[in-house]
Amino acid sequence: MEWESPFKSDILKGKVALLTGGGSGIGLGISTEFGKHGASVAIMGRRKSVLDSAVSYLQSLGIPAIGFEGDVRKQEDAKRVVELTVKQFGKIDILVNAAAGNFLVSPEDLSPNGFRTERRTWRSLTSGGMILNISATLHYTASWYQIHVVAAKVSHSHHLSVQAALNAATRNLALEWGTNYDIRVNGIAPGPIGDTAGMRKLGPEEISNKSKEYMSLYKLGEKYDIAMAALYLASDAGKYINGTTMIVDGGLWLSRPRHLPKDAVKELSRTVEKKSRDAPVGVPSSKL
């Protein structure tokens, strides 16, 4: 369904946005809405084919857009992309860290060299600019039948602890950089968003559909929902918001009812494992 934006089409006029992970999923949704509302857009990603496709799509909408190959985990890539963005568009007003698994302002990777790289990144932002970190809601609440995943991820400092660290870093950077450099730092924690790679990994489609019955708004979110939240925070409408991580999940994080009877868990596990074993070699699971 196509939604009409409640914002004026020029609210980001003259702004330049750099988005890591901006070529697919939620990142592309944000890139698109930023561009539709007047911003010039630079996107960074690891897959050239995805970047080229995204840039072509954005340009087809009349959006000034450019793509840069790079891995946000590599300091030299981050530095190069920032410099090329400034060379292309003259400045950076908005930095969105939407790349899954890592981000330019990475609190778990702030070695002395790494910090110098991050400092060059945010120093490229214009005064009054904003950094937006995309995290998740998993660390806010508990999930049924996921204790092994949670324990493993926390003990290895992976997804859950990184998300918590990112939210903490967002608050602390907002305090320091807001005071010293007039740069706002905020975050968005999306809930389950339909038609994204993250949602497809959660389980069979029938389970995803069934879980909708237990969500507070009785539906999955859309990439549009996250993009509108990002647009609000990046525009002058959010100019007095700093250090906030906005949860955009329809209230799902407030409770997590049991979505499967306990005796159905083993059966589901056996079904998923059987599908995996029976899958032809080389065929992506998404095609099964």
Protein backbone atom coordinates (compact mmCIF):
# COMPACT_ATOMS: atom_id res chain seq x y z
CA MET A 1 0.00 0.00 0.00
CA GLU A 2 1.27 3.46 -0.92
CA TRP A 3 1.00 5.97 1.92
CA GLU A 4 0.97 9.71 1.46
CA SER A 5 3.56 11.50 3.57
CA PRO A 6 2.16 13.88 6.20
CA PHE A 7 5.27 16.06 5.81
CA LYS A 8 5.90 18.87 3.35
CA SER A 9 7.91 17.68 0.35
CA ASP A 10 10.73 20.19 0.96
CA ILE A 11 11.44 19.70 4.66
CA LEU A 12 14.92 18.34 3.91
CA LYS A 13 15.61 20.68 1.01
CA GLY A 14 19.32 21.44 0.72
CA LYS A 15 20.29 18.64 3.14
CA VAL A 16 22.78 15.88 2.35
CA ALA A 17 22.26 12.46 3.92
CA LEU A 18 24.77 9.60 4.07
CA LEU A 19 23.25 6.23 4.89
CA THR A 20 25.13 3.02 5.60
CA GLY A 21 22.97 0.10 4.57
CA GLY A 22 20.87 2.59 2.62
CA GLY A 23 20.50 0.38 -0.45
CA SER A 24 18.07 -2.23 0.86
CA GLY A 25 15.39 -2.93 3.44
CA ILE A 26 14.69 -0.28 6.04
CA GLY A 27 17.75 1.69 4.91
CA LEU A 28 16.40 2.04 1.39
CA GLY A 29 13.03 3.05 2.79
CA ILE A 30 14.70 5.89 4.69
CA SER A 31 16.85 6.84 1.68
CA THR A 32 13.76 7.06 -0.49
CA GLU A 33 11.75 9.26 1.88
CA PHE A 34 14.72 11.52 2.60
CA GLY A 35 15.13 12.00 -1.15
CA LYS A 36 11.43 12.55 -1.76
CA HIS A 37 11.53 15.31 0.84
CA GLY A 38 14.39 17.23 -0.73
CA ALA A 39 17.64 15.64 0.44
CA SER A 40 20.57 14.54 -1.68
CA VAL A 41 21.38 10.95 -0.79
CA ALA A 42 24.62 8.95 -0.59
CA ILE A 43 24.36 5.28 0.28
CA MET A 44 27.07 2.87 1.36
CA GLY A 45 26.95 -0.91 1.11
CA ARG A 46 29.01 -4.03 0.47
CA ARG A 47 27.15 -5.37 -2.59
CA LYS A 48 27.66 -3.44 -5.82
CA SER A 49 24.58 -4.95 -7.50
CA VAL A 50 22.35 -3.85 -4.62
CA LEU A 51 23.90 -0.38 -4.60
CA ASP A 52 23.51 0.07 -8.35
CA SER A 53 19.89 -1.04 -8.22
CA ALA A 54 19.10 1.28 -5.32
CA VAL A 55 20.80 4.28 -6.93
CA SER A 56 18.94 3.67 -10.20
CA TYR A 57 15.66 3.48 -8.29
CA LEU A 58 16.33 6.68 -6.35
CA GLN A 59 17.42 8.54 -9.46
CA SER A 60 14.27 7.37 -11.27
CA LEU A 61 12.34 9.32 -8.63
CA GLY A 62 14.36 12.45 -9.39
CA ILE A 63 16.47 12.11 -6.27
CA PRO A 64 20.15 13.18 -6.44
CA ALA A 65 21.69 9.90 -5.35
CA ILE A 66 25.06 8.16 -5.45
CA GLY A 67 26.32 4.85 -4.11
CA PHE A 68 29.67 3.85 -2.64
CA GLU A 69 30.91 0.31 -2.10
CA GLY A 70 32.36 -0.24 1.33
CA ASP A 71 32.21 -2.18 4.58
CA VAL A 72 31.37 -0.14 7.67
CA ARG A 73 33.63 -2.43 9.72
CA LYS A 74 36.67 -1.19 7.81
CA GLN A 75 37.97 2.19 8.93
CA GLU A 76 39.50 2.98 5.55
CA ASP A 77 36.15 2.34 3.82
CA ALA A 78 34.28 4.63 6.21
CA LYS A 79 36.84 7.38 5.75
CA ARG A 80 36.79 7.05 1.94
CA VAL A 81 32.99 7.12 1.71
CA VAL A 82 32.73 10.19 3.93
CA GLU A 83 35.33 12.02 1.85
CA LEU A 84 33.66 11.04 -1.44
CA THR A 85 30.25 12.14 -0.18
CA VAL A 86 31.61 15.54 0.80
CA LYS A 87 33.40 15.79 -2.56
CA GLN A 88 30.17 14.96 -4.42
CA PHE A 89 27.66 17.03 -2.44
CA GLY A 90 29.84 19.50 -0.54
CA LYS A 91 28.82 18.50 2.99
CA ILE A 92 27.01 15.96 5.16
CA ASP A 93 24.04 17.06 7.28
CA ILE A 94 22.60 13.68 8.26
CA LEU A 95 24.39 10.39 8.98
CA VAL A 96 22.17 7.30 9.25
CA ASN A 97 23.76 4.11 10.55
CA ALA A 98 21.38 1.49 9.15
CA ALA A 99 23.84 -1.22 8.13
CA ALA A 100 23.04 -4.48 9.90
CA GLY A 101 25.66 -5.86 12.26
CA ASN A 102 27.72 -2.70 12.65
CA PHE A 103 27.63 1.04 12.19
CA LEU A 104 29.99 3.96 11.65
CA VAL A 105 29.73 5.22 15.21
CA SER A 106 30.58 1.84 16.72
CA PRO A 107 30.92 1.82 20.52
CA GLU A 108 32.25 -1.75 20.65
CA ASP A 109 35.05 -0.98 18.21
CA LEU A 110 36.47 2.29 19.48
CA SER A 111 40.16 1.50 19.38
CA PRO A 112 42.45 4.57 19.23
CA ASN A 113 42.63 4.25 15.43
CA GLY A 114 38.95 3.48 15.23
CA PHE A 115 38.02 6.52 17.27
CA ARG A 116 40.07 8.76 15.01
CA THR A 117 38.12 7.37 12.05
CA GLU A 118 34.78 7.98 13.78
CA ARG A 119 35.88 11.48 14.74
CA ARG A 120 36.65 12.27 11.10
CA THR A 121 33.18 10.96 10.25
CA TRP A 122 31.18 13.14 12.61
CA ARG A 123 33.44 16.14 12.08
CA SER A 124 32.31 16.01 8.46
CA LEU A 125 28.79 16.80 9.62
CA THR A 126 27.68 20.39 9.38
CA SER A 127 26.87 22.28 12.57
CA GLY A 128 23.29 21.48 13.47
CA GLY A 129 23.53 18.09 11.78
CA MET A 130 22.22 14.79 13.10
CA ILE A 131 23.33 11.19 13.50
CA LEU A 132 20.61 8.54 13.50
CA ASN A 133 21.38 5.02 14.73
CA ILE A 134 19.05 2.17 13.75
CA SER A 135 18.97 -0.49 16.48
CA ALA A 136 16.32 -3.02 17.53
CA THR A 137 13.90 -3.82 20.36
CA LEU A 138 15.09 -7.33 21.33
CA HIS A 139 16.95 -6.12 24.42
CA TYR A 140 13.93 -4.25 25.80
CA THR A 141 11.88 -7.34 26.54
CA ALA A 142 11.86 -11.13 26.60
CA SER A 143 11.00 -13.60 23.85
CA TRP A 144 9.41 -17.03 24.14
CA TYR A 145 11.67 -20.01 23.31
CA GLN A 146 14.73 -17.84 22.69
CA ILE A 147 16.79 -18.21 25.88
CA HIS A 148 19.56 -20.11 24.08
CA VAL A 149 19.84 -17.39 21.45
CA VAL A 150 19.77 -14.57 23.99
CA ALA A 151 22.38 -16.20 26.21
CA ALA A 152 24.69 -16.95 23.31
CA LYS A 153 24.41 -13.50 21.82
CA VAL A 154 24.94 -11.69 25.09
CA SER A 155 27.90 -13.87 26.12
CA HIS A 156 29.59 -13.24 22.79
CA SER A 157 28.78 -9.51 22.79
CA HIS A 158 26.73 -9.87 19.64
CA HIS A 159 23.34 -8.51 18.64
CA LEU A 160 21.58 -7.89 21.95
CA SER A 161 24.53 -6.37 23.81
CA VAL A 162 25.47 -4.35 20.74
CA GLN A 163 21.95 -2.91 20.57
CA ALA A 164 22.05 -1.97 24.25
CA ALA A 165 25.51 -0.48 23.81
CA LEU A 166 24.34 1.46 20.77
CA ASN A 167 21.46 2.99 22.70
CA ALA A 168 23.82 3.93 25.54
CA ALA A 169 26.29 5.40 23.07
CA THR A 170 23.48 7.38 21.44
CA ARG A 171 22.69 9.04 24.78
CA ASN A 172 26.31 9.77 25.66
CA LEU A 173 27.24 11.07 22.22
CA ALA A 174 24.12 13.23 22.25
CA LEU A 175 25.32 14.83 25.47
CA GLU A 176 28.90 15.41 24.35
CA TRP A 177 28.45 16.25 20.67
CA GLY A 178 25.27 18.20 21.23
CA THR A 179 27.10 20.38 23.72
CA ASN A 180 30.39 20.71 21.86
CA TYR A 181 29.41 20.60 18.19
CA ASP A 182 25.64 21.21 17.93
CA ILE A 183 25.19 17.72 16.49
CA ARG A 184 22.13 15.78 17.59
CA VAL A 185 22.38 12.00 18.04
CA ASN A 186 19.19 9.93 18.11
CA GLY A 187 18.10 6.40 17.39
CA ILE A 188 15.20 4.33 16.13
CA ALA A 189 14.45 0.82 17.38
CA PRO A 190 12.19 -0.84 14.79
CA GLY A 191 9.88 -3.71 15.62
CA PRO A 192 9.01 -6.47 13.11
CA ILE A 193 8.83 -4.86 9.68
CA GLY A 194 7.23 -6.81 6.87
CA ASP A 195 9.08 -7.54 3.62
CA THR A 196 12.54 -7.24 5.13
CA ALA A 197 15.37 -9.75 5.34
CA GLY A 198 15.20 -9.64 9.13
CA MET A 199 11.54 -10.59 9.16
CA ARG A 200 12.05 -13.42 6.68
CA LYS A 201 14.66 -14.97 8.96
CA LEU A 202 12.30 -15.22 11.93
CA GLY A 203 10.49 -18.31 10.73
CA PRO A 204 7.98 -19.75 8.33
CA GLU A 205 5.52 -17.29 6.84
CA GLU A 206 2.56 -18.92 8.55
CA ILE A 207 4.15 -18.28 11.96
CA SER A 208 4.81 -14.64 11.10
CA ASN A 209 1.19 -14.25 10.02
CA LYS A 210 -0.10 -15.92 13.17
CA SER A 211 2.01 -13.71 15.42
CA LYS A 212 0.18 -10.67 14.05
CA GLU A 213 -2.80 -11.71 16.16
CA TYR A 214 -0.84 -10.93 19.31
CA MET A 215 0.63 -7.55 18.38
CA SER A 216 -0.85 -4.50 20.06
CA LEU A 217 -1.79 -2.96 16.70
CA TYR A 218 -2.52 -6.40 15.15
CA LYS A 219 -0.21 -5.94 12.17
CA LEU A 220 3.39 -5.90 11.04
CA GLY A 221 5.06 -2.55 10.55
CA GLU A 222 6.16 -1.20 7.19
CA LYS A 223 9.42 0.34 6.06
CA TYR A 224 7.40 3.53 5.60
CA ASP A 225 6.78 3.66 9.37
CA ILE A 226 10.50 3.70 10.12
CA ALA A 227 11.19 6.17 7.32
CA MET A 228 8.57 8.60 8.68
CA ALA A 229 10.09 8.41 12.16
CA ALA A 230 13.53 9.07 10.66
CA LEU A 231 12.17 11.96 8.64
CA TYR A 232 10.66 13.51 11.75
CA LEU A 233 13.90 13.22 13.72
CA ALA A 234 16.05 14.50 10.84
CA SER A 235 13.88 17.51 10.04
CA ASP A 236 13.35 20.75 11.93
CA ALA A 237 10.28 19.11 13.48
CA GLY A 238 12.74 17.18 15.66
CA LYS A 239 15.30 19.92 16.17
CA TYR A 240 14.92 19.82 19.97
CA ILE A 241 15.12 16.03 20.24
CA ASN A 242 18.53 14.73 21.26
CA GLY A 243 19.65 11.48 22.89
CA THR A 244 16.38 9.65 22.28
CA THR A 245 15.92 6.16 20.87
CA MET A 246 12.41 6.05 19.45
CA ILE A 247 10.74 2.64 19.60
CA VAL A 248 8.66 2.12 16.47
CA ASP A 249 6.95 -1.25 16.85
CA GLY A 250 3.28 -0.57 17.51
CA GLY A 251 3.78 -1.25 21.22
CA LEU A 252 4.91 -4.85 20.72
CA TRP A 253 7.85 -4.36 23.09
CA LEU A 254 5.43 -3.78 25.98
CA SER A 255 4.41 -7.43 26.09
CA ARG A 256 5.21 -10.70 24.36
CA PRO A 257 2.34 -13.18 24.73
CA ARG A 258 2.88 -16.85 24.01
CA HIS A 259 2.34 -17.22 20.27
CA LEU A 260 2.74 -21.03 20.19
CA PRO A 261 1.61 -23.72 22.60
CA LYS A 262 4.61 -25.34 24.26
CA ASP A 263 3.92 -28.73 22.69
CA ALA A 264 4.00 -27.15 19.22
CA VAL A 265 7.57 -25.91 19.56
CA LYS A 266 9.22 -29.31 18.98
CA GLU A 267 6.99 -29.99 15.99
CA LEU A 268 7.84 -26.61 14.46
CA SER A 269 11.55 -27.21 15.07
CA ARG A 270 11.38 -30.62 13.38
CA THR A 271 9.53 -29.12 10.39
CA VAL A 272 12.08 -26.36 9.91
CA GLU A 273 15.00 -28.76 10.26
CA LYS A 274 13.44 -31.19 7.76
CA LYS A 275 12.97 -28.40 5.21
CA SER A 276 16.60 -27.42 5.71
CA ARG A 277 17.85 -31.01 5.28
CA ASP A 278 15.70 -31.59 2.22
CA ALA A 279 16.70 -28.34 0.53
CA PRO A 280 18.63 -28.83 -2.73
CA VAL A 281 22.25 -27.71 -2.44
CA GLY A 282 22.74 -24.12 -3.59
CA VAL A 283 19.04 -23.16 -3.38
CA PRO A 284 18.48 -20.18 -1.02
CA SER A 285 16.03 -20.88 1.80
CA SER A 286 13.93 -17.93 0.66
CA LYS A 287 13.15 -19.85 -2.55
CA LEU A 288 11.80 -22.91 -0.74
